[in-house]
N, C-alpha and C. Protein backbone atom coordinates (compact mmCIF):
# COMPACT_ATOMS: atom_id res chain seq x y z
N MET A 1 52.88 18.71 -15.42
CA MET A 1 52.62 18.16 -16.70
C MET A 1 52.23 19.35 -17.67
N SER A 2 52.83 19.43 -18.81
CA SER A 2 52.61 20.59 -19.72
C SER A 2 51.32 20.23 -20.61
N ASN A 3 50.55 21.35 -20.82
CA ASN A 3 49.41 21.15 -21.71
C ASN A 3 49.70 21.64 -23.01
N GLU A 4 50.97 21.94 -23.33
CA GLU A 4 51.46 22.36 -24.74
C GLU A 4 51.19 21.28 -25.79
N LYS A 5 50.71 21.62 -26.84
CA LYS A 5 50.48 20.65 -27.91
C LYS A 5 51.85 20.43 -28.69
N PRO A 6 52.10 19.22 -29.12
CA PRO A 6 53.30 19.06 -29.96
C PRO A 6 53.19 19.77 -31.26
N SER A 7 54.30 20.18 -31.88
CA SER A 7 54.35 20.91 -33.14
C SER A 7 54.74 20.11 -34.30
N CYS A 8 54.17 20.48 -35.42
CA CYS A 8 54.59 19.79 -36.71
C CYS A 8 56.05 20.06 -36.96
N HIS A 9 56.78 19.12 -37.41
CA HIS A 9 58.20 19.20 -37.72
C HIS A 9 58.50 20.09 -38.87
N ILE A 10 57.56 20.26 -39.77
CA ILE A 10 57.81 21.07 -40.96
C ILE A 10 57.34 22.50 -40.75
N CYS A 11 56.11 22.70 -40.44
CA CYS A 11 55.53 24.11 -40.39
C CYS A 11 55.47 24.63 -38.97
N ASP A 12 55.80 23.85 -38.00
CA ASP A 12 55.90 24.21 -36.59
C ASP A 12 54.56 24.56 -35.97
N THR A 13 53.48 24.13 -36.55
CA THR A 13 52.09 24.42 -36.11
C THR A 13 51.72 23.45 -34.98
N PRO A 14 51.31 23.96 -33.79
CA PRO A 14 50.95 23.01 -32.67
C PRO A 14 49.66 22.27 -33.15
N SER A 15 49.70 20.90 -32.85
CA SER A 15 48.49 20.12 -33.17
C SER A 15 48.54 18.83 -32.34
N ASN A 16 47.41 18.34 -31.96
CA ASN A 16 47.21 17.04 -31.30
C ASN A 16 47.07 15.92 -32.28
N ARG A 17 46.97 16.28 -33.60
CA ARG A 17 46.73 15.27 -34.67
C ARG A 17 48.00 15.06 -35.56
N LEU A 18 49.12 15.01 -34.99
CA LEU A 18 50.30 14.77 -35.80
C LEU A 18 50.39 13.31 -36.17
N ARG A 19 50.97 13.08 -37.41
CA ARG A 19 51.26 11.68 -37.91
C ARG A 19 52.74 11.57 -38.21
N LYS A 20 53.30 10.45 -37.84
CA LYS A 20 54.76 10.28 -38.13
C LYS A 20 54.90 9.78 -39.59
N CYS A 21 55.87 10.40 -40.20
CA CYS A 21 56.29 10.01 -41.55
C CYS A 21 56.88 8.59 -41.53
N ASP A 22 56.44 7.83 -42.50
CA ASP A 22 56.97 6.40 -42.52
C ASP A 22 58.49 6.33 -42.88
N THR A 23 58.99 7.37 -43.57
CA THR A 23 60.47 7.38 -43.99
C THR A 23 61.33 7.92 -42.92
N CYS A 24 61.04 9.13 -42.49
CA CYS A 24 61.96 9.82 -41.47
C CYS A 24 61.47 9.81 -40.12
N LEU A 25 60.19 9.40 -39.90
CA LEU A 25 59.65 9.21 -38.51
C LEU A 25 59.46 10.62 -37.87
N HIS A 26 59.48 11.76 -38.49
CA HIS A 26 59.15 12.97 -37.84
C HIS A 26 57.68 13.22 -37.87
N PRO A 27 57.17 13.79 -36.75
CA PRO A 27 55.79 14.08 -36.68
C PRO A 27 55.34 15.31 -37.59
N CYS A 28 54.30 15.12 -38.36
CA CYS A 28 53.91 16.21 -39.28
C CYS A 28 52.36 16.37 -39.10
N CYS A 29 51.94 17.56 -39.36
CA CYS A 29 50.43 17.86 -39.28
C CYS A 29 49.79 17.31 -40.56
N THR A 30 48.52 17.24 -40.61
CA THR A 30 47.72 16.62 -41.71
C THR A 30 48.15 17.43 -43.02
N CYS A 31 48.21 18.69 -42.90
CA CYS A 31 48.48 19.62 -44.00
C CYS A 31 49.86 19.31 -44.61
N CYS A 32 50.81 19.08 -43.77
CA CYS A 32 52.26 18.87 -44.31
C CYS A 32 52.60 17.50 -44.73
N ILE A 33 51.88 16.58 -44.13
CA ILE A 33 52.29 15.11 -44.37
C ILE A 33 52.29 14.77 -45.84
N GLU A 34 51.35 15.27 -46.64
CA GLU A 34 51.34 14.83 -48.06
C GLU A 34 52.38 15.62 -48.86
N LYS A 35 52.61 17.00 -48.47
CA LYS A 35 53.66 17.80 -49.13
C LYS A 35 54.97 17.29 -48.78
N HIS A 36 55.11 16.72 -47.57
CA HIS A 36 56.28 16.17 -47.06
C HIS A 36 56.96 15.17 -48.05
N LYS A 37 56.12 14.25 -48.56
CA LYS A 37 56.59 13.32 -49.50
C LYS A 37 56.83 13.91 -50.98
N THR A 38 55.78 14.63 -51.43
CA THR A 38 55.90 15.18 -52.83
C THR A 38 56.98 16.12 -53.12
N ASP A 39 57.26 16.90 -52.14
CA ASP A 39 58.32 18.06 -52.40
C ASP A 39 59.75 17.51 -51.93
N LYS A 40 59.82 16.27 -51.80
CA LYS A 40 61.15 15.68 -51.39
C LYS A 40 61.78 16.18 -50.07
N ILE A 41 60.89 16.85 -49.32
CA ILE A 41 61.35 17.29 -47.99
C ILE A 41 61.76 16.15 -47.19
N CYS A 42 61.07 14.99 -47.24
CA CYS A 42 61.31 13.82 -46.48
C CYS A 42 62.77 13.40 -46.81
N HIS A 43 63.10 13.44 -48.14
CA HIS A 43 64.38 12.91 -48.61
C HIS A 43 65.50 13.85 -47.90
N LEU A 44 65.27 15.12 -47.94
CA LEU A 44 66.31 16.10 -47.32
C LEU A 44 66.45 15.81 -45.80
N ILE A 45 65.31 15.59 -45.23
CA ILE A 45 65.26 15.28 -43.77
C ILE A 45 66.08 14.04 -43.47
N THR A 46 65.60 12.99 -44.26
CA THR A 46 66.34 11.67 -44.04
C THR A 46 67.83 11.71 -44.30
N GLU A 47 68.23 12.46 -45.42
CA GLU A 47 69.62 12.50 -45.82
C GLU A 47 70.47 13.35 -44.89
N HIS A 48 69.91 14.59 -44.50
CA HIS A 48 70.61 15.51 -43.81
C HIS A 48 70.47 15.58 -42.23
N VAL A 49 69.16 15.61 -41.84
CA VAL A 49 68.86 15.70 -40.44
C VAL A 49 69.09 14.39 -39.66
N ASN A 50 68.70 13.28 -40.37
CA ASN A 50 68.83 11.93 -39.75
C ASN A 50 70.13 11.23 -40.00
N ASN A 51 71.08 11.97 -40.52
CA ASN A 51 72.42 11.40 -40.89
C ASN A 51 73.09 11.13 -39.57
N VAL A 52 72.97 9.90 -39.05
CA VAL A 52 73.47 9.59 -37.68
C VAL A 52 74.97 9.75 -37.68
N SER A 53 75.67 9.26 -38.82
CA SER A 53 77.15 9.22 -38.71
C SER A 53 77.70 10.68 -38.89
N ASN A 54 76.92 11.65 -39.55
CA ASN A 54 77.32 13.05 -39.69
C ASN A 54 78.75 13.14 -40.33
N VAL A 55 79.06 12.11 -41.19
CA VAL A 55 80.35 12.07 -41.82
C VAL A 55 80.24 12.41 -43.31
N CYS A 56 81.23 13.22 -43.77
CA CYS A 56 81.20 13.65 -45.10
C CYS A 56 81.42 12.47 -46.10
N LYS A 57 80.69 12.28 -47.09
CA LYS A 57 80.88 11.18 -48.08
C LYS A 57 81.95 11.47 -49.05
N HIS A 58 82.20 12.74 -49.17
CA HIS A 58 83.18 13.14 -50.24
C HIS A 58 84.61 13.43 -49.82
N HIS A 59 84.81 13.59 -48.49
CA HIS A 59 86.10 13.92 -47.94
C HIS A 59 86.55 13.07 -46.83
N ASN A 60 86.74 11.73 -47.14
CA ASN A 60 87.36 10.75 -46.25
C ASN A 60 86.91 10.85 -44.82
N GLY A 61 85.66 10.89 -44.53
CA GLY A 61 85.10 10.78 -43.18
C GLY A 61 85.20 12.10 -42.43
N ARG A 62 85.49 13.19 -42.98
CA ARG A 62 85.37 14.52 -42.23
C ARG A 62 83.94 14.69 -41.69
N VAL A 63 83.91 15.40 -40.59
CA VAL A 63 82.63 15.63 -40.01
C VAL A 63 81.94 16.87 -40.59
N TYR A 64 80.64 16.67 -40.78
CA TYR A 64 79.88 17.79 -41.39
C TYR A 64 79.83 18.80 -40.35
N THR A 65 80.10 20.14 -40.78
CA THR A 65 80.08 21.24 -39.76
C THR A 65 79.06 22.26 -40.29
N GLY A 66 78.54 22.16 -41.43
CA GLY A 66 77.59 23.17 -41.88
C GLY A 66 76.61 22.66 -42.90
N TYR A 67 75.79 23.59 -43.42
CA TYR A 67 74.75 23.10 -44.42
C TYR A 67 74.67 24.33 -45.41
N CYS A 68 74.68 24.03 -46.68
CA CYS A 68 74.59 24.99 -47.74
C CYS A 68 73.07 25.10 -48.11
N LEU A 69 72.50 26.30 -47.81
CA LEU A 69 71.17 26.50 -48.15
C LEU A 69 70.90 26.56 -49.67
N LYS A 70 71.88 27.03 -50.43
CA LYS A 70 71.71 27.19 -51.86
C LYS A 70 71.69 25.82 -52.53
N CYS A 71 72.50 24.94 -52.06
CA CYS A 71 72.67 23.57 -52.73
C CYS A 71 71.88 22.52 -51.93
N SER A 72 71.36 22.81 -50.82
CA SER A 72 70.64 21.91 -49.88
C SER A 72 71.52 20.69 -49.63
N GLN A 73 72.76 20.95 -49.19
CA GLN A 73 73.71 19.79 -48.88
C GLN A 73 74.47 20.22 -47.59
N GLN A 74 74.80 19.15 -46.87
CA GLN A 74 75.68 19.35 -45.68
C GLN A 74 77.06 19.46 -46.14
N THR A 75 77.79 20.18 -45.31
CA THR A 75 79.22 20.52 -45.81
C THR A 75 80.15 20.23 -44.64
N CYS A 76 81.39 19.84 -44.98
CA CYS A 76 82.48 19.78 -43.97
C CYS A 76 83.44 20.99 -44.41
N GLU A 77 84.50 21.10 -43.63
CA GLU A 77 85.37 22.18 -43.89
C GLU A 77 85.95 22.24 -45.29
N ARG A 78 86.16 21.00 -45.83
CA ARG A 78 86.85 20.96 -47.18
C ARG A 78 85.69 21.16 -48.33
N CYS A 79 84.43 20.81 -47.94
CA CYS A 79 83.36 20.99 -48.88
C CYS A 79 83.14 22.50 -49.21
N LYS A 80 83.49 23.41 -48.21
CA LYS A 80 83.28 24.80 -48.38
C LYS A 80 83.98 25.32 -49.62
N ASP A 81 85.20 24.68 -49.98
CA ASP A 81 85.93 25.16 -51.25
C ASP A 81 85.03 25.02 -52.46
N PHE A 82 84.06 24.10 -52.48
CA PHE A 82 83.21 23.95 -53.63
C PHE A 82 82.01 24.85 -53.63
N HIS A 83 81.89 25.61 -52.50
CA HIS A 83 80.73 26.61 -52.36
C HIS A 83 81.31 28.03 -52.21
N ALA A 84 82.52 28.22 -52.68
CA ALA A 84 83.25 29.55 -52.53
C ALA A 84 82.47 30.69 -53.10
N ASP A 85 81.60 30.45 -54.20
CA ASP A 85 80.94 31.54 -54.84
C ASP A 85 79.72 31.90 -54.08
N HIS A 86 79.37 31.09 -53.06
CA HIS A 86 78.16 31.46 -52.19
C HIS A 86 78.34 31.00 -50.82
N LEU A 87 79.48 31.31 -50.25
CA LEU A 87 79.87 30.94 -48.92
C LEU A 87 78.72 31.48 -47.90
N THR A 88 78.13 32.61 -48.20
CA THR A 88 77.17 33.19 -47.23
C THR A 88 75.90 32.19 -47.04
N SER A 89 75.83 31.27 -48.01
CA SER A 89 74.68 30.38 -47.81
C SER A 89 74.99 29.19 -46.93
N ILE A 90 76.28 29.07 -46.51
CA ILE A 90 76.61 27.91 -45.62
C ILE A 90 76.50 28.41 -44.18
N MET A 91 75.80 27.54 -43.39
CA MET A 91 75.61 27.89 -41.99
C MET A 91 75.30 26.60 -41.21
N THR A 92 75.14 26.63 -39.96
CA THR A 92 74.96 25.41 -39.20
C THR A 92 73.50 24.84 -39.58
N LEU A 93 73.32 23.57 -39.36
CA LEU A 93 72.10 23.01 -39.81
C LEU A 93 70.96 23.61 -39.03
N GLN A 94 71.14 23.94 -37.73
CA GLN A 94 70.05 24.47 -36.91
C GLN A 94 69.72 25.88 -37.54
N LEU A 95 70.71 26.67 -37.81
CA LEU A 95 70.36 28.03 -38.44
C LEU A 95 69.76 27.85 -39.80
N ALA A 96 70.25 26.81 -40.56
CA ALA A 96 69.56 26.62 -41.95
C ALA A 96 68.11 26.27 -41.83
N MET A 97 67.76 25.57 -40.79
CA MET A 97 66.28 25.09 -40.65
C MET A 97 65.44 26.29 -40.35
N GLU A 98 65.94 27.30 -39.69
CA GLU A 98 65.11 28.46 -39.29
C GLU A 98 64.45 29.18 -40.57
N PRO A 99 65.27 29.56 -41.55
CA PRO A 99 64.63 30.23 -42.72
C PRO A 99 63.72 29.27 -43.51
N ILE A 100 64.08 28.01 -43.51
CA ILE A 100 63.25 27.05 -44.22
C ILE A 100 61.89 26.87 -43.52
N GLN A 101 61.95 26.91 -42.20
CA GLN A 101 60.60 26.77 -41.50
C GLN A 101 59.83 28.04 -41.61
N VAL A 102 60.56 29.28 -41.72
CA VAL A 102 59.78 30.50 -41.92
C VAL A 102 59.13 30.45 -43.34
N ARG A 103 59.90 30.00 -44.36
CA ARG A 103 59.33 29.87 -45.67
C ARG A 103 58.13 28.95 -45.72
N LEU A 104 58.21 27.87 -45.07
CA LEU A 104 57.27 26.88 -44.98
C LEU A 104 55.94 27.51 -44.36
N ARG A 105 56.15 28.17 -43.14
CA ARG A 105 55.04 28.88 -42.59
C ARG A 105 54.42 29.91 -43.48
N ASN A 106 55.22 30.62 -44.19
CA ASN A 106 54.70 31.72 -45.13
C ASN A 106 53.86 31.01 -46.30
N CYS A 107 54.43 29.86 -46.73
CA CYS A 107 53.71 29.13 -47.78
C CYS A 107 52.40 28.61 -47.33
N LYS A 108 52.46 28.11 -45.99
CA LYS A 108 51.16 27.62 -45.45
C LYS A 108 50.11 28.70 -45.32
N THR A 109 50.59 29.95 -44.85
CA THR A 109 49.75 31.12 -44.70
C THR A 109 49.23 31.48 -46.10
N ALA A 110 50.03 31.55 -47.12
CA ALA A 110 49.65 31.95 -48.51
C ALA A 110 48.73 30.86 -49.06
N LEU A 111 48.92 29.63 -48.80
CA LEU A 111 48.00 28.61 -49.27
C LEU A 111 46.64 28.69 -48.60
N SER A 112 46.65 28.92 -47.32
CA SER A 112 45.45 29.15 -46.54
C SER A 112 44.65 30.36 -47.06
N LYS A 113 45.42 31.44 -47.42
CA LYS A 113 44.56 32.62 -47.94
C LYS A 113 44.10 32.30 -49.29
N LYS A 114 44.82 31.60 -50.19
CA LYS A 114 44.32 31.13 -51.46
C LYS A 114 43.13 30.29 -51.33
N LYS A 115 43.15 29.38 -50.45
CA LYS A 115 42.01 28.47 -50.18
C LYS A 115 40.79 29.30 -49.74
N THR A 116 40.99 30.24 -48.84
CA THR A 116 39.83 31.17 -48.35
C THR A 116 39.36 31.93 -49.56
N ASP A 117 40.23 32.53 -50.31
CA ASP A 117 39.81 33.39 -51.53
C ASP A 117 39.08 32.46 -52.49
N THR A 118 39.48 31.26 -52.70
CA THR A 118 38.83 30.34 -53.60
C THR A 118 37.42 30.03 -53.14
N VAL A 119 37.30 29.76 -51.86
CA VAL A 119 36.06 29.42 -51.28
C VAL A 119 35.05 30.67 -51.50
N LYS A 120 35.62 31.83 -51.16
CA LYS A 120 34.79 33.09 -51.31
C LYS A 120 34.37 33.24 -52.79
N LEU A 121 35.38 33.00 -53.74
CA LEU A 121 35.01 33.18 -55.13
C LEU A 121 33.95 32.25 -55.55
N ILE A 122 34.07 30.94 -55.17
CA ILE A 122 33.02 29.90 -55.50
C ILE A 122 31.77 30.33 -54.90
N HIS A 123 31.70 30.84 -53.63
CA HIS A 123 30.44 31.30 -52.99
C HIS A 123 29.83 32.39 -53.82
N SER A 124 30.76 33.35 -54.13
CA SER A 124 30.26 34.52 -54.92
C SER A 124 29.75 34.17 -56.24
N SER A 125 30.47 33.23 -56.91
CA SER A 125 30.01 32.75 -58.19
C SER A 125 28.70 32.02 -58.21
N THR A 126 28.55 31.23 -57.15
CA THR A 126 27.34 30.45 -56.88
C THR A 126 26.12 31.43 -56.76
N GLU A 127 26.38 32.47 -55.90
CA GLU A 127 25.33 33.61 -55.78
C GLU A 127 25.04 34.26 -57.12
N GLU A 128 26.03 34.55 -57.93
CA GLU A 128 25.82 35.21 -59.14
C GLU A 128 25.03 34.27 -60.14
N ILE A 129 25.38 32.89 -60.11
CA ILE A 129 24.60 32.00 -60.88
C ILE A 129 23.16 31.96 -60.46
N LYS A 130 22.87 32.01 -59.19
CA LYS A 130 21.48 32.02 -58.73
C LYS A 130 20.76 33.24 -59.19
N LYS A 131 21.44 34.41 -59.10
CA LYS A 131 20.80 35.65 -59.62
C LYS A 131 20.63 35.64 -61.14
N LEU A 132 21.45 35.03 -61.87
CA LEU A 132 21.27 34.91 -63.25
C LEU A 132 20.13 34.05 -63.67
N ARG A 133 19.99 32.94 -62.89
CA ARG A 133 18.88 32.01 -63.14
C ARG A 133 17.62 32.65 -62.87
N ILE A 134 17.49 33.50 -61.78
CA ILE A 134 16.28 34.23 -61.45
C ILE A 134 15.96 35.18 -62.57
N MET A 135 17.06 35.86 -63.03
CA MET A 135 16.82 36.92 -64.07
C MET A 135 16.39 36.21 -65.40
N ARG A 136 16.92 35.08 -65.66
CA ARG A 136 16.58 34.34 -66.92
C ARG A 136 15.06 33.92 -66.83
N LYS A 137 14.65 33.44 -65.61
CA LYS A 137 13.23 33.06 -65.38
C LYS A 137 12.35 34.29 -65.65
N GLU A 138 12.75 35.40 -65.03
CA GLU A 138 12.00 36.56 -65.19
C GLU A 138 11.85 37.06 -66.67
N ILE A 139 12.99 36.95 -67.39
CA ILE A 139 13.03 37.35 -68.81
C ILE A 139 12.01 36.31 -69.54
N GLU A 140 12.17 35.07 -69.33
CA GLU A 140 11.29 34.09 -69.99
C GLU A 140 9.83 34.39 -69.65
N GLU A 141 9.51 34.65 -68.42
CA GLU A 141 8.15 34.97 -68.02
C GLU A 141 7.73 36.31 -68.74
N GLY A 142 8.58 37.21 -68.78
CA GLY A 142 8.31 38.44 -69.39
C GLY A 142 8.09 38.33 -70.88
N GLY A 143 8.87 37.47 -71.50
CA GLY A 143 8.69 37.17 -72.95
C GLY A 143 7.37 36.49 -73.21
N MET A 144 6.93 35.57 -72.37
CA MET A 144 5.64 34.96 -72.50
C MET A 144 4.48 35.90 -72.38
N LYS A 145 4.64 36.85 -71.42
CA LYS A 145 3.57 37.96 -71.26
C LYS A 145 3.43 38.76 -72.58
N TRP A 146 4.73 39.15 -73.10
CA TRP A 146 4.67 39.95 -74.35
C TRP A 146 3.99 39.13 -75.50
N GLU A 147 4.36 37.89 -75.61
CA GLU A 147 3.75 37.03 -76.68
C GLU A 147 2.24 37.03 -76.48
N ARG A 148 1.72 36.78 -75.29
CA ARG A 148 0.30 36.74 -75.03
C ARG A 148 -0.26 38.13 -75.42
N LEU A 149 0.31 39.22 -75.04
CA LEU A 149 -0.23 40.54 -75.32
C LEU A 149 -0.26 40.82 -76.80
N ILE A 150 0.82 40.38 -77.53
CA ILE A 150 0.78 40.56 -78.95
C ILE A 150 -0.27 39.68 -79.60
N LEU A 151 -0.47 38.42 -79.18
CA LEU A 151 -1.58 37.62 -79.70
C LEU A 151 -2.95 38.20 -79.40
N ASP A 152 -3.16 38.84 -78.20
CA ASP A 152 -4.34 39.41 -77.78
C ASP A 152 -4.61 40.65 -78.77
N ILE A 153 -3.56 41.47 -78.93
CA ILE A 153 -3.73 42.63 -79.82
C ILE A 153 -4.02 42.16 -81.27
N LYS A 154 -3.35 41.14 -81.74
CA LYS A 154 -3.64 40.54 -83.01
C LYS A 154 -5.06 40.19 -83.22
N ASP A 155 -5.54 39.33 -82.17
CA ASP A 155 -6.88 38.97 -82.20
C ASP A 155 -7.97 40.04 -82.15
N GLU A 156 -7.65 41.11 -81.45
CA GLU A 156 -8.44 42.23 -81.35
C GLU A 156 -8.50 42.95 -82.69
N PHE A 157 -7.39 43.09 -83.41
CA PHE A 157 -7.39 43.68 -84.75
C PHE A 157 -8.20 42.81 -85.69
N TRP A 158 -8.06 41.48 -85.60
CA TRP A 158 -8.82 40.56 -86.45
C TRP A 158 -10.33 40.84 -86.24
N ASN A 159 -10.68 40.99 -85.00
CA ASN A 159 -12.10 41.11 -84.64
C ASN A 159 -12.61 42.56 -85.13
N ARG A 160 -11.88 43.56 -84.88
CA ARG A 160 -12.20 44.93 -85.22
C ARG A 160 -12.23 45.24 -86.72
N PHE A 161 -11.25 44.70 -87.33
CA PHE A 161 -10.99 45.06 -88.74
C PHE A 161 -10.85 43.91 -89.64
N PRO A 162 -11.86 43.03 -89.69
CA PRO A 162 -11.80 41.77 -90.48
C PRO A 162 -11.59 42.02 -91.93
N ALA A 163 -12.08 43.12 -92.47
CA ALA A 163 -11.96 43.46 -93.80
C ALA A 163 -10.48 43.60 -94.28
N ILE A 164 -9.70 44.18 -93.43
CA ILE A 164 -8.26 44.42 -93.85
C ILE A 164 -7.54 43.16 -94.01
N PHE A 165 -7.89 42.14 -93.18
CA PHE A 165 -7.08 40.82 -93.24
C PHE A 165 -7.71 39.92 -94.25
N GLN A 166 -8.87 40.21 -94.85
CA GLN A 166 -9.51 39.26 -95.83
C GLN A 166 -9.12 39.77 -97.17
N SER A 167 -8.59 38.93 -97.92
CA SER A 167 -8.31 39.29 -99.31
C SER A 167 -8.93 38.39 -100.28
């Protein structure tokens, strides 16, 4: 019996907490399940990967033999004529999924880094706010000390030189 965790269909991350998509029934990790719906990935999977008939809708039932990465469409031999300006983008579906999975992993890594950076920034900002509050309190306390000192000096002048202040 294998101890290997199943992998997410989208990002290929191993996880014991995969959920099946209601539409295409592929297992996805918690991170990908929401993006799965919003980025229309589910639609692509349902239309292209789960296409049981694998028959071209445009060319009288010809069998799909490739996938155009540029257009995100399956292609048969005759469809290739419509993709002549970018034939290098046409490949087998299996080959087409590899760069998509790499891009998704890279996006996941970049998102994770942004999340970490954001948490650090928030923590740093929180620390700066605490320092500023302490500094503000010190300034207010210092201001009160100066006000008391000025009042004490004023009172001392009043007491020492009452004639100057009486008119």
